Amino acid sequence: MYFFKPISDEVRLSQIIFNKHKKTMKLILVSIFACIAAILQAAPGFLPGIGYFISPLATAPILLGSMFSIPFGVMTYLLTIMLLFILQPTELIVFPFTTGLLGLGIGASFSFFRKRLSVIATGAILLISGVMSLLFIFHFPVLGPAVSVSFSFLITGFLLAFIYSWFWVEVALIIFKRLKMILISNH
């Protein structure tokens, strides 16, 4: 079955190649990923309407940074939070618990799990946990003020989080293969 097939070892091989690069190049890549993520996450503040469709793309740079190296993924995540503090402080409550957490979780899970289902489930669990934290701990209406939260809504939310996580895993694998070619050619 598709979900139980192991994800190729390309991620692990690329991590080995990434670790051979100089620290300066790694930090430059982290800063580029963080800048891209911050700009994409801040898009709703600068482009009302269309920016809400652009903002979920902020997952990709965090995800790719975490796929290359978990510590550098965490650095990308934290640097993006600092940049958002300057660019668009209103996104500070949403990014760490949704978009950023999803990217960090999926990217890191590539290092721990070999099966596609495990990677997707990790992302879905972290995303739904982040959304639930915003809803129940911080009382932040991340889904809008008109949406009431019930048990059936949480089940539906987990299914949607699973599909969304699955989408990002597949996108990450495609982007990662292309980025790997660039890194290997520069090695």
N, C-alpha and C. Protein backbone atom coordinates (compact mmCIF):
# COMPACT_ATOMS: atom_id res chain seq x y z
N MET A 1 0.83 -1.18 0.00
CA MET A 1 0.00 0.00 0.00
C MET A 1 0.88 1.25 0.00
N TYR A 2 0.37 2.29 -0.58
CA TYR A 2 1.11 3.53 -0.79
C TYR A 2 1.64 4.13 0.51
N PHE A 3 0.81 4.17 1.55
CA PHE A 3 1.21 4.82 2.81
C PHE A 3 2.26 4.04 3.58
N PHE A 4 2.37 2.75 3.32
CA PHE A 4 3.32 1.92 4.08
C PHE A 4 4.64 1.72 3.36
N LYS A 5 4.75 2.28 2.15
CA LYS A 5 6.03 2.20 1.44
C LYS A 5 7.02 3.12 2.13
N PRO A 6 8.25 2.65 2.24
CA PRO A 6 9.25 3.53 2.86
C PRO A 6 9.58 4.69 1.92
N ILE A 7 9.80 5.83 2.53
CA ILE A 7 10.23 6.99 1.76
C ILE A 7 11.71 6.76 1.44
N SER A 8 12.11 7.13 0.27
CA SER A 8 13.47 6.84 -0.17
C SER A 8 14.51 7.42 0.78
N ASP A 9 15.68 6.88 0.70
CA ASP A 9 16.77 7.31 1.57
C ASP A 9 17.44 8.59 1.07
N GLU A 10 16.84 9.23 0.08
CA GLU A 10 17.42 10.46 -0.45
C GLU A 10 17.56 11.53 0.63
N VAL A 11 16.60 11.58 1.53
CA VAL A 11 16.65 12.60 2.59
C VAL A 11 17.87 12.35 3.47
N ARG A 12 18.09 11.12 3.87
CA ARG A 12 19.25 10.81 4.73
C ARG A 12 20.57 11.04 4.00
N LEU A 13 20.62 10.69 2.74
CA LEU A 13 21.84 10.93 1.97
C LEU A 13 22.10 12.43 1.82
N SER A 14 21.05 13.19 1.60
CA SER A 14 21.20 14.64 1.47
C SER A 14 21.62 15.28 2.78
N GLN A 15 21.17 14.72 3.90
CA GLN A 15 21.59 15.25 5.20
C GLN A 15 23.09 15.05 5.39
N ILE A 16 23.59 13.91 4.95
CA ILE A 16 25.03 13.66 5.04
C ILE A 16 25.80 14.66 4.19
N ILE A 17 25.32 14.88 2.97
CA ILE A 17 25.98 15.85 2.08
C ILE A 17 25.88 17.26 2.66
N PHE A 18 24.70 17.61 3.21
CA PHE A 18 24.51 18.93 3.81
C PHE A 18 25.47 19.15 4.97
N ASN A 19 25.69 18.13 5.77
CA ASN A 19 26.59 18.26 6.92
C ASN A 19 28.04 18.43 6.52
N LYS A 20 28.39 18.11 5.28
CA LYS A 20 29.77 18.28 4.81
C LYS A 20 30.04 19.73 4.38
N HIS A 21 28.98 20.50 4.17
CA HIS A 21 29.17 21.90 3.77
C HIS A 21 29.70 22.71 4.94
N LYS A 22 30.30 23.85 4.61
CA LYS A 22 30.80 24.75 5.64
C LYS A 22 29.64 25.38 6.39
N LYS A 23 29.92 25.72 7.63
CA LYS A 23 28.88 26.28 8.50
C LYS A 23 28.34 27.60 7.93
N THR A 24 29.18 28.36 7.27
CA THR A 24 28.74 29.63 6.68
C THR A 24 27.65 29.40 5.65
N MET A 25 27.85 28.41 4.78
CA MET A 25 26.85 28.11 3.75
C MET A 25 25.55 27.64 4.39
N LYS A 26 25.64 26.85 5.44
CA LYS A 26 24.45 26.37 6.12
C LYS A 26 23.68 27.54 6.74
N LEU A 27 24.39 28.47 7.38
CA LEU A 27 23.73 29.61 8.00
C LEU A 27 23.09 30.53 6.97
N ILE A 28 23.74 30.67 5.82
CA ILE A 28 23.15 31.48 4.75
C ILE A 28 21.86 30.84 4.26
N LEU A 29 21.87 29.52 4.11
CA LEU A 29 20.67 28.80 3.67
C LEU A 29 19.55 28.94 4.71
N VAL A 30 19.89 28.85 5.98
CA VAL A 30 18.91 29.02 7.06
C VAL A 30 18.31 30.42 6.99
N SER A 31 19.15 31.42 6.82
CA SER A 31 18.63 32.80 6.78
C SER A 31 17.77 33.05 5.55
N ILE A 32 18.13 32.46 4.42
CA ILE A 32 17.30 32.60 3.22
C ILE A 32 15.94 31.93 3.44
N PHE A 33 15.95 30.71 3.98
CA PHE A 33 14.70 30.01 4.26
C PHE A 33 13.84 30.81 5.24
N ALA A 34 14.44 31.38 6.28
CA ALA A 34 13.69 32.15 7.27
C ALA A 34 13.10 33.42 6.65
N CYS A 35 13.86 34.09 5.81
CA CYS A 35 13.34 35.30 5.14
C CYS A 35 12.15 34.96 4.24
N ILE A 36 12.29 33.89 3.48
CA ILE A 36 11.19 33.48 2.60
C ILE A 36 9.95 33.13 3.42
N ALA A 37 10.15 32.36 4.50
CA ALA A 37 9.02 31.97 5.35
C ALA A 37 8.35 33.19 5.98
N ALA A 38 9.14 34.13 6.45
CA ALA A 38 8.57 35.32 7.09
C ALA A 38 7.78 36.17 6.09
N ILE A 39 8.30 36.32 4.90
CA ILE A 39 7.60 37.11 3.88
C ILE A 39 6.29 36.42 3.49
N LEU A 40 6.34 35.12 3.29
CA LEU A 40 5.12 34.39 2.93
C LEU A 40 4.08 34.42 4.05
N GLN A 41 4.52 34.27 5.29
CA GLN A 41 3.59 34.28 6.42
C GLN A 41 3.01 35.68 6.64
N ALA A 42 3.77 36.70 6.34
CA ALA A 42 3.30 38.08 6.53
C ALA A 42 2.42 38.58 5.39
N ALA A 43 2.27 37.78 4.35
CA ALA A 43 1.53 38.20 3.16
C ALA A 43 0.11 38.70 3.45
N PRO A 44 -0.68 38.10 4.35
CA PRO A 44 -2.03 38.62 4.58
C PRO A 44 -2.05 40.07 5.08
N GLY A 45 -1.03 40.49 5.78
CA GLY A 45 -0.98 41.87 6.25
C GLY A 45 -0.66 42.86 5.15
N PHE A 46 0.10 42.42 4.15
CA PHE A 46 0.50 43.31 3.07
C PHE A 46 -0.40 43.19 1.85
N LEU A 47 -0.99 42.03 1.65
CA LEU A 47 -1.88 41.78 0.52
C LEU A 47 -3.19 41.20 1.03
N PRO A 48 -4.07 42.02 1.58
CA PRO A 48 -5.33 41.48 2.12
C PRO A 48 -6.10 40.71 1.05
N GLY A 49 -6.66 39.61 1.45
CA GLY A 49 -7.39 38.77 0.50
C GLY A 49 -6.51 37.69 -0.07
N ILE A 50 -5.73 38.04 -1.08
CA ILE A 50 -4.86 37.05 -1.74
C ILE A 50 -3.75 36.56 -0.82
N GLY A 51 -3.37 37.39 0.15
CA GLY A 51 -2.31 37.01 1.08
C GLY A 51 -2.65 35.79 1.91
N TYR A 52 -3.96 35.56 2.13
CA TYR A 52 -4.37 34.38 2.89
C TYR A 52 -4.12 33.09 2.12
N PHE A 53 -4.05 33.18 0.81
CA PHE A 53 -3.72 32.01 0.00
C PHE A 53 -2.22 31.81 -0.11
N ILE A 54 -1.46 32.89 0.07
CA ILE A 54 -0.01 32.82 -0.01
C ILE A 54 0.60 32.35 1.32
N SER A 55 -0.01 32.73 2.42
CA SER A 55 0.57 32.46 3.74
C SER A 55 0.81 30.98 4.07
N PRO A 56 -0.02 30.03 3.63
CA PRO A 56 0.31 28.63 3.93
C PRO A 56 1.60 28.13 3.29
N LEU A 57 2.08 28.84 2.28
CA LEU A 57 3.34 28.46 1.63
C LEU A 57 4.54 28.66 2.54
N ALA A 58 4.35 29.34 3.65
CA ALA A 58 5.45 29.54 4.61
C ALA A 58 5.89 28.22 5.25
N THR A 59 5.09 27.19 5.10
CA THR A 59 5.46 25.87 5.61
C THR A 59 6.69 25.33 4.88
N ALA A 60 6.78 25.57 3.59
CA ALA A 60 7.83 24.97 2.76
C ALA A 60 9.26 25.28 3.22
N PRO A 61 9.63 26.54 3.46
CA PRO A 61 11.01 26.80 3.88
C PRO A 61 11.37 26.16 5.23
N ILE A 62 10.43 26.15 6.16
CA ILE A 62 10.68 25.53 7.45
C ILE A 62 10.84 24.02 7.26
N LEU A 63 9.98 23.46 6.46
CA LEU A 63 10.01 22.03 6.18
C LEU A 63 11.32 21.61 5.53
N LEU A 64 11.76 22.35 4.53
CA LEU A 64 13.01 22.01 3.85
C LEU A 64 14.22 22.18 4.76
N GLY A 65 14.22 23.25 5.56
CA GLY A 65 15.31 23.44 6.50
C GLY A 65 15.40 22.30 7.50
N SER A 66 14.25 21.82 7.95
CA SER A 66 14.22 20.71 8.91
C SER A 66 14.60 19.39 8.25
N MET A 67 14.31 19.26 6.97
CA MET A 67 14.69 18.03 6.27
C MET A 67 16.21 17.94 6.12
N PHE A 68 16.86 19.06 5.89
CA PHE A 68 18.32 19.05 5.77
C PHE A 68 18.98 18.77 7.11
N SER A 69 18.48 19.40 8.17
CA SER A 69 19.08 19.23 9.49
C SER A 69 18.09 19.73 10.53
N ILE A 70 17.81 18.93 11.54
CA ILE A 70 16.84 19.33 12.57
C ILE A 70 17.30 20.59 13.30
N PRO A 71 18.57 20.69 13.74
CA PRO A 71 18.98 21.94 14.41
C PRO A 71 18.86 23.17 13.51
N PHE A 72 19.18 23.02 12.24
CA PHE A 72 19.05 24.16 11.34
C PHE A 72 17.58 24.45 11.02
N GLY A 73 16.74 23.43 11.06
CA GLY A 73 15.30 23.64 10.92
C GLY A 73 14.75 24.43 12.09
N VAL A 74 15.20 24.10 13.29
CA VAL A 74 14.77 24.85 14.48
C VAL A 74 15.27 26.29 14.40
N MET A 75 16.50 26.47 13.92
CA MET A 75 17.03 27.83 13.75
C MET A 75 16.18 28.61 12.75
N THR A 76 15.79 27.97 11.65
CA THR A 76 14.94 28.63 10.66
C THR A 76 13.61 29.02 11.28
N TYR A 77 13.02 28.12 12.04
CA TYR A 77 11.75 28.35 12.72
C TYR A 77 11.84 29.55 13.67
N LEU A 78 12.87 29.56 14.51
CA LEU A 78 13.03 30.64 15.49
C LEU A 78 13.36 31.98 14.82
N LEU A 79 14.20 31.94 13.79
CA LEU A 79 14.53 33.17 13.07
C LEU A 79 13.32 33.73 12.35
N THR A 80 12.47 32.86 11.82
CA THR A 80 11.24 33.32 11.19
C THR A 80 10.33 34.01 12.20
N ILE A 81 10.25 33.45 13.40
CA ILE A 81 9.44 34.07 14.46
C ILE A 81 9.98 35.46 14.78
N MET A 82 11.31 35.59 14.86
CA MET A 82 11.90 36.90 15.14
C MET A 82 11.64 37.89 14.00
N LEU A 83 11.73 37.43 12.77
CA LEU A 83 11.45 38.30 11.62
C LEU A 83 9.98 38.71 11.59
N LEU A 84 9.09 37.80 11.94
CA LEU A 84 7.67 38.14 11.98
C LEU A 84 7.38 39.17 13.06
N PHE A 85 8.14 39.15 14.13
CA PHE A 85 7.99 40.15 15.19
C PHE A 85 8.22 41.55 14.62
N ILE A 86 9.12 41.66 13.64
CA ILE A 86 9.41 42.95 13.02
C ILE A 86 8.44 43.24 11.88
N LEU A 87 8.21 42.25 11.00
CA LEU A 87 7.41 42.47 9.81
C LEU A 87 5.90 42.53 10.07
N GLN A 88 5.39 41.54 10.77
CA GLN A 88 3.95 41.41 10.95
C GLN A 88 3.65 40.76 12.31
N PRO A 89 3.68 41.52 13.39
CA PRO A 89 3.48 40.94 14.72
C PRO A 89 2.14 40.21 14.89
N THR A 90 1.15 40.55 14.08
CA THR A 90 -0.15 39.87 14.21
C THR A 90 -0.07 38.39 13.82
N GLU A 91 0.93 38.01 13.06
CA GLU A 91 1.09 36.61 12.66
C GLU A 91 1.86 35.80 13.69
N LEU A 92 2.35 36.44 14.74
CA LEU A 92 3.15 35.73 15.74
C LEU A 92 2.36 34.67 16.50
N ILE A 93 1.09 34.82 16.64
CA ILE A 93 0.31 33.82 17.37
C ILE A 93 -0.03 32.64 16.47
N VAL A 94 -0.16 32.86 15.18
CA VAL A 94 -0.57 31.81 14.27
C VAL A 94 0.61 30.96 13.80
N PHE A 95 1.68 31.60 13.37
CA PHE A 95 2.81 30.88 12.77
C PHE A 95 3.43 29.81 13.67
N PRO A 96 3.77 30.11 14.91
CA PRO A 96 4.45 29.09 15.73
C PRO A 96 3.60 27.85 16.00
N PHE A 97 2.26 27.99 15.97
CA PHE A 97 1.39 26.87 16.30
C PHE A 97 0.80 26.15 15.09
N THR A 98 0.90 26.74 13.92
CA THR A 98 0.29 26.10 12.74
C THR A 98 1.32 25.87 11.66
N THR A 99 1.54 26.85 10.84
CA THR A 99 2.41 26.73 9.67
C THR A 99 3.82 26.31 10.04
N GLY A 100 4.41 26.99 10.99
CA GLY A 100 5.79 26.69 11.39
C GLY A 100 5.92 25.34 12.07
N LEU A 101 4.97 25.03 12.96
CA LEU A 101 5.01 23.75 13.67
C LEU A 101 4.83 22.58 12.70
N LEU A 102 3.96 22.75 11.72
CA LEU A 102 3.76 21.70 10.71
C LEU A 102 5.04 21.46 9.93
N GLY A 103 5.68 22.52 9.46
CA GLY A 103 6.93 22.37 8.71
C GLY A 103 8.03 21.75 9.53
N LEU A 104 8.16 22.21 10.76
CA LEU A 104 9.19 21.67 11.65
C LEU A 104 8.94 20.20 11.95
N GLY A 105 7.69 19.86 12.22
CA GLY A 105 7.34 18.48 12.55
C GLY A 105 7.53 17.51 11.41
N ILE A 106 7.06 17.87 10.23
CA ILE A 106 7.21 16.98 9.09
C ILE A 106 8.69 16.84 8.72
N GLY A 107 9.40 17.97 8.69
CA GLY A 107 10.82 17.92 8.33
C GLY A 107 11.63 17.07 9.29
N ALA A 108 11.37 17.22 10.58
CA ALA A 108 12.10 16.43 11.57
C ALA A 108 11.70 14.96 11.51
N SER A 109 10.44 14.69 11.20
CA SER A 109 10.00 13.29 11.18
C SER A 109 10.63 12.50 10.04
N PHE A 110 11.11 13.17 9.01
CA PHE A 110 11.85 12.47 7.95
C PHE A 110 13.12 11.83 8.51
N SER A 111 13.67 12.41 9.56
CA SER A 111 14.87 11.85 10.18
C SER A 111 14.57 10.66 11.08
N PHE A 112 13.37 10.60 11.62
CA PHE A 112 13.03 9.58 12.59
C PHE A 112 12.26 8.39 12.00
N PHE A 113 11.46 8.64 10.99
CA PHE A 113 10.59 7.60 10.45
C PHE A 113 10.92 7.30 9.00
N ARG A 114 10.66 6.07 8.60
CA ARG A 114 10.92 5.66 7.23
C ARG A 114 9.63 5.52 6.41
N LYS A 115 8.53 5.29 7.06
CA LYS A 115 7.27 5.07 6.37
C LYS A 115 6.54 6.41 6.16
N ARG A 116 5.94 6.53 5.01
CA ARG A 116 5.21 7.74 4.63
C ARG A 116 4.09 8.03 5.64
N LEU A 117 3.37 7.00 6.06
CA LEU A 117 2.26 7.18 6.98
C LEU A 117 2.72 7.80 8.31
N SER A 118 3.86 7.39 8.80
CA SER A 118 4.37 7.93 10.06
C SER A 118 4.71 9.41 9.94
N VAL A 119 5.31 9.78 8.82
CA VAL A 119 5.67 11.18 8.58
C VAL A 119 4.41 12.04 8.47
N ILE A 120 3.43 11.54 7.72
CA ILE A 120 2.18 12.28 7.54
C ILE A 120 1.43 12.40 8.86
N ALA A 121 1.35 11.31 9.61
CA ALA A 121 0.63 11.33 10.89
C ALA A 121 1.29 12.28 11.89
N THR A 122 2.61 12.32 11.90
CA THR A 122 3.32 13.25 12.79
C THR A 122 2.93 14.69 12.47
N GLY A 123 2.94 15.04 11.20
CA GLY A 123 2.55 16.39 10.81
C GLY A 123 1.11 16.70 11.18
N ALA A 124 0.20 15.74 10.95
CA ALA A 124 -1.21 15.95 11.27
C ALA A 124 -1.43 16.12 12.77
N ILE A 125 -0.76 15.31 13.56
CA ILE A 125 -0.91 15.41 15.02
C ILE A 125 -0.38 16.75 15.53
N LEU A 126 0.76 17.17 15.01
CA LEU A 126 1.31 18.47 15.46
C LEU A 126 0.42 19.63 15.01
N LEU A 127 -0.11 19.55 13.79
CA LEU A 127 -0.96 20.63 13.31
C LEU A 127 -2.25 20.72 14.13
N ILE A 128 -2.90 19.60 14.36
CA ILE A 128 -4.14 19.65 15.13
C ILE A 128 -3.87 20.03 16.57
N SER A 129 -2.72 19.63 17.11
CA SER A 129 -2.34 20.05 18.47
C SER A 129 -2.13 21.55 18.54
N GLY A 130 -1.49 22.11 17.54
CA GLY A 130 -1.27 23.56 17.50
C GLY A 130 -2.57 24.33 17.39
N VAL A 131 -3.47 23.85 16.52
CA VAL A 131 -4.76 24.52 16.37
C VAL A 131 -5.56 24.41 17.66
N MET A 132 -5.55 23.24 18.29
CA MET A 132 -6.27 23.07 19.55
C MET A 132 -5.68 23.94 20.66
N SER A 133 -4.35 24.09 20.65
CA SER A 133 -3.72 24.99 21.64
C SER A 133 -4.20 26.42 21.46
N LEU A 134 -4.25 26.85 20.20
CA LEU A 134 -4.73 28.21 19.94
C LEU A 134 -6.19 28.37 20.36
N LEU A 135 -7.00 27.35 20.11
CA LEU A 135 -8.42 27.45 20.42
C LEU A 135 -8.71 27.35 21.92
N PHE A 136 -8.10 26.37 22.59
CA PHE A 136 -8.49 26.07 23.97
C PHE A 136 -7.60 26.71 25.03
N ILE A 137 -6.32 26.88 24.74
CA ILE A 137 -5.42 27.46 25.74
C ILE A 137 -5.39 28.98 25.61
N PHE A 138 -5.20 29.47 24.38
CA PHE A 138 -5.08 30.92 24.16
C PHE A 138 -6.40 31.57 23.80
N HIS A 139 -7.43 30.76 23.55
CA HIS A 139 -8.76 31.27 23.16
C HIS A 139 -8.66 32.20 21.95
N PHE A 140 -7.79 31.84 21.03
CA PHE A 140 -7.62 32.61 19.81
C PHE A 140 -8.46 31.96 18.72
N PRO A 141 -9.38 32.69 18.13
CA PRO A 141 -10.28 32.09 17.13
C PRO A 141 -9.58 31.90 15.77
N VAL A 142 -8.66 30.94 15.72
CA VAL A 142 -7.88 30.71 14.51
C VAL A 142 -8.76 30.27 13.34
N LEU A 143 -9.90 29.67 13.64
CA LEU A 143 -10.81 29.21 12.59
C LEU A 143 -11.90 30.22 12.27
N GLY A 144 -11.87 31.34 12.95
CA GLY A 144 -12.89 32.36 12.75
C GLY A 144 -13.85 32.36 13.93
N PRO A 145 -14.47 33.49 14.20
CA PRO A 145 -15.35 33.60 15.38
C PRO A 145 -16.67 32.84 15.23
N ALA A 146 -17.08 32.54 14.02
CA ALA A 146 -18.38 31.89 13.80
C ALA A 146 -18.32 30.37 13.92
N VAL A 147 -17.12 29.79 13.98
CA VAL A 147 -16.98 28.34 14.00
C VAL A 147 -17.03 27.85 15.45
N SER A 148 -17.97 26.97 15.73
CA SER A 148 -18.04 26.38 17.07
C SER A 148 -17.25 25.08 17.07
N VAL A 149 -16.57 24.82 18.17
CA VAL A 149 -15.72 23.65 18.27
C VAL A 149 -16.47 22.54 19.00
N SER A 150 -16.62 21.40 18.33
CA SER A 150 -17.26 20.24 18.94
C SER A 150 -16.40 19.02 18.66
N PHE A 151 -16.81 17.88 19.22
CA PHE A 151 -16.04 16.65 19.03
C PHE A 151 -16.01 16.26 17.55
N SER A 152 -17.15 16.32 16.88
CA SER A 152 -17.18 15.95 15.46
C SER A 152 -16.33 16.91 14.63
N PHE A 153 -16.29 18.17 15.07
CA PHE A 153 -15.45 19.13 14.35
C PHE A 153 -13.98 18.77 14.50
N LEU A 154 -13.57 18.30 15.70
CA LEU A 154 -12.18 17.92 15.92
C LEU A 154 -11.80 16.69 15.09
N ILE A 155 -12.73 15.74 14.94
CA ILE A 155 -12.47 14.57 14.10
C ILE A 155 -12.31 15.01 12.65
N THR A 156 -13.20 15.86 12.20
CA THR A 156 -13.09 16.39 10.84
C THR A 156 -11.80 17.20 10.69
N GLY A 157 -11.46 17.96 11.72
CA GLY A 157 -10.22 18.74 11.70
C GLY A 157 -8.99 17.85 11.59
N PHE A 158 -9.00 16.71 12.29
CA PHE A 158 -7.86 15.80 12.18
C PHE A 158 -7.77 15.22 10.78
N LEU A 159 -8.89 14.87 10.19
CA LEU A 159 -8.87 14.34 8.82
C LEU A 159 -8.34 15.39 7.84
N LEU A 160 -8.79 16.62 8.02
CA LEU A 160 -8.28 17.69 7.16
C LEU A 160 -6.79 17.94 7.41
N ALA A 161 -6.37 17.87 8.65
CA ALA A 161 -4.95 18.04 8.98
C ALA A 161 -4.13 16.91 8.37
N PHE A 162 -4.67 15.69 8.36
CA PHE A 162 -3.99 14.56 7.76
C PHE A 162 -3.82 14.77 6.26
N ILE A 163 -4.87 15.21 5.60
CA ILE A 163 -4.80 15.47 4.14
C ILE A 163 -3.82 16.60 3.86
N TYR A 164 -3.87 17.64 4.66
CA TYR A 164 -2.97 18.78 4.48
C TYR A 164 -1.51 18.37 4.71
N SER A 165 -1.28 17.56 5.72
CA SER A 165 0.06 17.05 6.00
C SER A 165 0.54 16.17 4.85
N TRP A 166 -0.34 15.33 4.35
CA TRP A 166 -0.01 14.46 3.22
C TRP A 166 0.41 15.31 2.02
N PHE A 167 -0.33 16.36 1.75
CA PHE A 167 0.01 17.27 0.65
C PHE A 167 1.41 17.83 0.83
N TRP A 168 1.74 18.27 2.05
CA TRP A 168 3.05 18.87 2.28
C TRP A 168 4.18 17.85 2.21
N VAL A 169 3.93 16.62 2.61
CA VAL A 169 4.95 15.58 2.49
C VAL A 169 5.29 15.35 1.02
N GLU A 170 4.27 15.25 0.19
CA GLU A 170 4.50 15.02 -1.24
C GLU A 170 5.19 16.22 -1.90
N VAL A 171 4.75 17.43 -1.55
CA VAL A 171 5.38 18.63 -2.10
C VAL A 171 6.83 18.72 -1.64
N ALA A 172 7.08 18.40 -0.38
CA ALA A 172 8.44 18.46 0.15
C ALA A 172 9.36 17.49 -0.58
N LEU A 173 8.88 16.29 -0.85
CA LEU A 173 9.70 15.32 -1.56
C LEU A 173 10.05 15.79 -2.97
N ILE A 174 9.09 16.42 -3.64
CA ILE A 174 9.35 16.94 -4.99
C ILE A 174 10.36 18.08 -4.94
N ILE A 175 10.14 19.06 -4.04
CA ILE A 175 11.05 20.19 -3.93
C ILE A 175 12.43 19.72 -3.47
N PHE A 176 12.44 18.77 -2.56
CA PHE A 176 13.70 18.30 -2.00
C PHE A 176 14.57 17.65 -3.07
N LYS A 177 13.96 16.90 -3.97
CA LYS A 177 14.72 16.28 -5.04
C LYS A 177 15.38 17.34 -5.93
N ARG A 178 14.66 18.42 -6.17
CA ARG A 178 15.23 19.50 -7.00
C ARG A 178 16.33 20.25 -6.26
N LEU A 179 16.11 20.54 -4.98
CA LEU A 179 17.14 21.23 -4.20
C LEU A 179 18.38 20.37 -4.01
N LYS A 180 18.18 19.08 -3.91
CA LYS A 180 19.30 18.17 -3.73
C LYS A 180 20.25 18.27 -4.92
N MET A 181 19.70 18.38 -6.10
CA MET A 181 20.53 18.51 -7.31
C MET A 181 21.38 19.79 -7.24
N ILE A 182 20.79 20.86 -6.74
CA ILE A 182 21.54 22.11 -6.63
C ILE A 182 22.66 21.98 -5.62
N LEU A 183 22.34 21.39 -4.45
CA LEU A 183 23.37 21.24 -3.42
C LEU A 183 24.49 20.30 -3.85
N ILE A 184 24.13 19.22 -4.53
CA ILE A 184 25.15 18.27 -4.97
C ILE A 184 26.04 18.89 -6.03
N SER A 185 25.45 19.68 -6.92
CA SER A 185 26.26 20.31 -7.97
C SER A 185 27.22 21.36 -7.39
N ASN A 186 26.86 21.96 -6.26
CA ASN A 186 27.73 22.94 -5.61
C ASN A 186 28.74 22.29 -4.68
N HIS A 187 28.62 21.02 -4.44
CA HIS A 187 29.50 20.33 -3.51
C HIS A 187 30.85 20.04 -4.11
